[in-house]
């Protein structure tokens, strides 16, 4: 559950960042998504 909460917090950060710096937010989001995919595939 902690992992999910952290993911939501990260998403909220991205949304806040997006209103100020869309490019930075997109990069951060891409990094987050690749991290999540990596975590999921590793913890099989």
PDB file of N, CA and C in Angstrom:
ATOM      1  N   UNK A   1       0.849  -1.210   0.000  1.00  0.00           N
ATOM      2  CA  UNK A   1       0.000   0.000   0.000  1.00  0.00           C
ATOM      3  C   UNK A   1       0.877   1.250   0.000  1.00  0.00           C
ATOM      4  N   UNK A   2       1.965   1.217   0.745  1.00  0.00           N
ATOM      5  CA  UNK A   2       2.863   2.381   0.800  1.00  0.00           C
ATOM      6  C   UNK A   2       3.336   2.755  -0.599  1.00  0.00           C
ATOM      7  N   UNK A   3       3.655   1.724  -1.382  1.00  0.00           N
ATOM      8  CA  UNK A   3       4.140   1.962  -2.738  1.00  0.00           C
ATOM      9  C   UNK A   3       3.096   2.726  -3.552  1.00  0.00           C
ATOM     10  N   UNK A   4       1.827   2.337  -3.386  1.00  0.00           N
ATOM     11  CA  UNK A   4       0.741   3.001  -4.112  1.00  0.00           C
ATOM     12  C   UNK A   4       0.585   4.442  -3.660  1.00  0.00           C
ATOM     13  N   UNK A   5       0.672   4.659  -2.356  1.00  0.00           N
ATOM     14  CA  UNK A   5       0.551   6.018  -1.815  1.00  0.00           C
ATOM     15  C   UNK A   5       1.670   6.893  -2.356  1.00  0.00           C
ATOM     16  N   UNK A   6       2.875   6.349  -2.393  1.00  0.00           N
ATOM     17  CA  UNK A   6       3.999   7.102  -2.935  1.00  0.00           C
ATOM     18  C   UNK A   6       3.745   7.462  -4.393  1.00  0.00           C
ATOM     19  N   UNK A   7       3.194   6.534  -5.145  1.00  0.00           N
ATOM     20  CA  UNK A   7       2.897   6.783  -6.549  1.00  0.00           C
ATOM     21  C   UNK A   7       1.887   7.923  -6.684  1.00  0.00           C
ATOM     22  N   UNK A   8       0.872   7.924  -5.816  1.00  0.00           N
ATOM     23  CA  UNK A   8      -0.126   8.996  -5.865  1.00  0.00           C
ATOM     24  C   UNK A   8       0.507  10.335  -5.514  1.00  0.00           C
ATOM     25  N   UNK A   9       1.385  10.341  -4.516  1.00  0.00           N
ATOM     26  CA  UNK A   9       2.070  11.573  -4.131  1.00  0.00           C
ATOM     27  C   UNK A   9       2.913  12.089  -5.291  1.00  0.00           C
ATOM     28  N   UNK A  10       3.611  11.177  -5.967  1.00  0.00           N
ATOM     29  CA  UNK A  10       4.425  11.560  -7.111  1.00  0.00           C
ATOM     30  C   UNK A  10       3.554  12.155  -8.205  1.00  0.00           C
ATOM     31  N   UNK A  11       2.408  11.535  -8.444  1.00  0.00           N
ATOM     32  CA  UNK A  11       1.488  12.041  -9.461  1.00  0.00           C
ATOM     33  C   UNK A  11       1.025  13.452  -9.103  1.00  0.00           C
ATOM     34  N   UNK A  12       0.713  13.661  -7.817  1.00  0.00           N
ATOM     35  CA  UNK A  12       0.269  14.980  -7.369  1.00  0.00           C
ATOM     36  C   UNK A  12       1.375  16.006  -7.595  1.00  0.00           C
ATOM     37  N   UNK A  13       2.618  15.600  -7.325  1.00  0.00           N
ATOM     38  CA  UNK A  13       3.754  16.495  -7.562  1.00  0.00           C
ATOM     39  C   UNK A  13       3.831  16.861  -9.036  1.00  0.00           C
ATOM     40  N   UNK A  14       3.664  15.865  -9.888  1.00  0.00           N
ATOM     41  CA  UNK A  14       3.731  16.096 -11.332  1.00  0.00           C
ATOM     42  C   UNK A  14       2.642  17.072 -11.763  1.00  0.00           C
ATOM     43  N   UNK A  15       1.443  16.886 -11.223  1.00  0.00           N
ATOM     44  CA  UNK A  15       0.332  17.774 -11.583  1.00  0.00           C
ATOM     45  C   UNK A  15       0.634  19.209 -11.153  1.00  0.00           C
ATOM     46  N   UNK A  16       1.158  19.366  -9.943  1.00  0.00           N
ATOM     47  CA  UNK A  16       1.506  20.713  -9.468  1.00  0.00           C
ATOM     48  C   UNK A  16       2.601  21.317 -10.332  1.00  0.00           C
ATOM     49  N   UNK A  17       3.595  20.496 -10.659  1.00  0.00           N
ATOM     50  CA  UNK A  17       4.708  20.961 -11.475  1.00  0.00           C
ATOM     51  C   UNK A  17       4.213  21.326 -12.874  1.00  0.00           C
ATOM     52  N   UNK A  18       3.254  20.548 -13.381  1.00  0.00           N
ATOM     53  CA  UNK A  18       2.760  20.751 -14.736  1.00  0.00           C
ATOM     54  C   UNK A  18       2.180  22.143 -14.931  1.00  0.00           C
ATOM     55  N   UNK A  19       1.509  22.662 -13.902  1.00  0.00           N
ATOM     56  CA  UNK A  19       0.901  23.986 -14.036  1.00  0.00           C
ATOM     57  C   UNK A  19       1.973  25.061 -14.185  1.00  0.00           C
ATOM     58  N   UNK A  20       3.175  24.788 -13.651  1.00  0.00           N
ATOM     59  CA  UNK A  20       4.259  25.769 -13.750  1.00  0.00           C
ATOM     60  C   UNK A  20       5.196  25.472 -14.919  1.00  0.00           C
ATOM     61  N   UNK A  21       5.607  24.198 -15.029  1.00  0.00           N
ATOM     62  CA  UNK A  21       6.576  23.825 -16.064  1.00  0.00           C
ATOM     63  C   UNK A  21       6.161  22.534 -16.761  1.00  0.00           C
ATOM     64  N   UNK A  22       5.341  22.647 -17.787  1.00  0.00           N
ATOM     65  CA  UNK A  22       4.836  21.457 -18.499  1.00  0.00           C
ATOM     66  C   UNK A  22       5.937  20.519 -18.988  1.00  0.00           C
ATOM     67  N   UNK A  23       7.027  21.084 -19.534  1.00  0.00           N
ATOM     68  CA  UNK A  23       8.085  20.225 -20.075  1.00  0.00           C
ATOM     69  C   UNK A  23       8.717  19.390 -18.978  1.00  0.00           C
ATOM     70  N   UNK A  24       9.028  20.025 -17.861  1.00  0.00           N
ATOM     71  CA  UNK A  24       9.649  19.313 -16.741  1.00  0.00           C
ATOM     72  C   UNK A  24       8.709  18.242 -16.207  1.00  0.00           C
ATOM     73  N   UNK A  25       7.431  18.573 -16.133  1.00  0.00           N
ATOM     74  CA  UNK A  25       6.452  17.622 -15.612  1.00  0.00           C
ATOM     75  C   UNK A  25       6.350  16.401 -16.528  1.00  0.00           C
ATOM     76  N   UNK A  26       6.381  16.634 -17.830  1.00  0.00           N
ATOM     77  CA  UNK A  26       6.292  15.513 -18.760  1.00  0.00           C
ATOM     78  C   UNK A  26       7.487  14.585 -18.605  1.00  0.00           C
ATOM     79  N   UNK A  27       8.666  15.174 -18.434  1.00  0.00           N
ATOM     80  CA  UNK A  27       9.874  14.372 -18.258  1.00  0.00           C
ATOM     81  C   UNK A  27       9.787  13.565 -16.969  1.00  0.00           C
ATOM     82  N   UNK A  28       9.328  14.223 -15.917  1.00  0.00           N
ATOM     83  CA  UNK A  28       9.206  13.561 -14.612  1.00  0.00           C
ATOM     84  C   UNK A  28       8.194  12.415 -14.692  1.00  0.00           C
ATOM     85  N   UNK A  29       7.103  12.675 -15.400  1.00  0.00           N
ATOM     86  CA  UNK A  29       6.062  11.659 -15.544  1.00  0.00           C
ATOM     87  C   UNK A  29       6.607  10.449 -16.305  1.00  0.00           C
ATOM     88  N   UNK A  30       7.357  10.720 -17.358  1.00  0.00           N
ATOM     89  CA  UNK A  30       7.949   9.632 -18.141  1.00  0.00           C
ATOM     90  C   UNK A  30       8.885   8.805 -17.262  1.00  0.00           C
ATOM     91  N   UNK A  31       9.682   9.483 -16.441  1.00  0.00           N
ATOM     92  CA  UNK A  31      10.595   8.780 -15.539  1.00  0.00           C
ATOM     93  C   UNK A  31       9.817   7.935 -14.541  1.00  0.00           C
ATOM     94  N   UNK A  32       8.762   8.521 -13.980  1.00  0.00           N
ATOM     95  CA  UNK A  32       7.936   7.808 -13.002  1.00  0.00           C
ATOM     96  C   UNK A  32       7.349   6.547 -13.620  1.00  0.00           C
ATOM     97  N   UNK A  33       6.782   6.700 -14.811  1.00  0.00           N
ATOM     98  CA  UNK A  33       6.135   5.567 -15.454  1.00  0.00           C
ATOM     99  C   UNK A  33       7.133   4.453 -15.733  1.00  0.00           C
ATOM    100  N   UNK A  34       8.319   4.805 -16.208  1.00  0.00           N
ATOM    101  CA  UNK A  34       9.307   3.769 -16.489  1.00  0.00           C
ATOM    102  C   UNK A  34       9.747   3.098 -15.194  1.00  0.00           C
ATOM    103  N   UNK A  35       9.816   3.856 -14.107  1.00  0.00           N
ATOM    104  CA  UNK A  35      10.173   3.280 -12.805  1.00  0.00           C
ATOM    105  C   UNK A  35       9.110   2.289 -12.362  1.00  0.00           C
ATOM    106  N   UNK A  36       7.845   2.690 -12.491  1.00  0.00           N
ATOM    107  CA  UNK A  36       6.737   1.839 -12.069  1.00  0.00           C
ATOM    108  C   UNK A  36       6.719   0.546 -12.883  1.00  0.00           C
ATOM    109  N   UNK A  37       6.893   0.661 -14.185  1.00  0.00           N
ATOM    110  CA  UNK A  37       6.897  -0.521 -15.032  1.00  0.00           C
ATOM    111  C   UNK A  37       8.041  -1.441 -14.619  1.00  0.00           C
ATOM    112  N   UNK A  38       9.184  -0.862 -14.347  1.00  0.00           N
ATOM    113  CA  UNK A  38      10.362  -1.635 -13.956  1.00  0.00           C
ATOM    114  C   UNK A  38      10.114  -2.349 -12.633  1.00  0.00           C
ATOM    115  N   UNK A  39       9.548  -1.627 -11.667  1.00  0.00           N
ATOM    116  CA  UNK A  39       9.248  -2.211 -10.355  1.00  0.00           C
ATOM    117  C   UNK A  39       8.288  -3.387 -10.504  1.00  0.00           C
ATOM    118  N   UNK A  40       7.243  -3.197 -11.285  1.00  0.00           N
ATOM    119  CA  UNK A  40       6.233  -4.239 -11.445  1.00  0.00           C
ATOM    120  C   UNK A  40       6.843  -5.497 -12.064  1.00  0.00           C
ATOM    121  N   UNK A  41       7.643  -5.326 -13.095  1.00  0.00           N
ATOM    122  CA  UNK A  41       8.198  -6.488 -13.777  1.00  0.00           C
ATOM    123  C   UNK A  41       9.225  -7.199 -12.902  1.00  0.00           C
ATOM    124  N   UNK A  42       9.847  -6.466 -11.994  1.00  0.00           N
ATOM    125  CA  UNK A  42      10.883  -7.073 -11.156  1.00  0.00           C
ATOM    126  C   UNK A  42      10.287  -7.863 -10.000  1.00  0.00           C
ATOM    127  N   UNK A  43       9.145  -7.431  -9.486  1.00  0.00           N
ATOM    128  CA  UNK A  43       8.580  -8.065  -8.293  1.00  0.00           C
ATOM    129  C   UNK A  43       7.584  -9.173  -8.626  1.00  0.00           C
ATOM    130  N   UNK A  44       7.862  -9.939  -9.661  1.00  0.00           N
ATOM    131  CA  UNK A  44       6.943 -11.020 -10.037  1.00  0.00           C
ATOM    132  C   UNK A  44       7.089 -12.172  -9.047  1.00  0.00           C
TER     133      UNK A  44
END
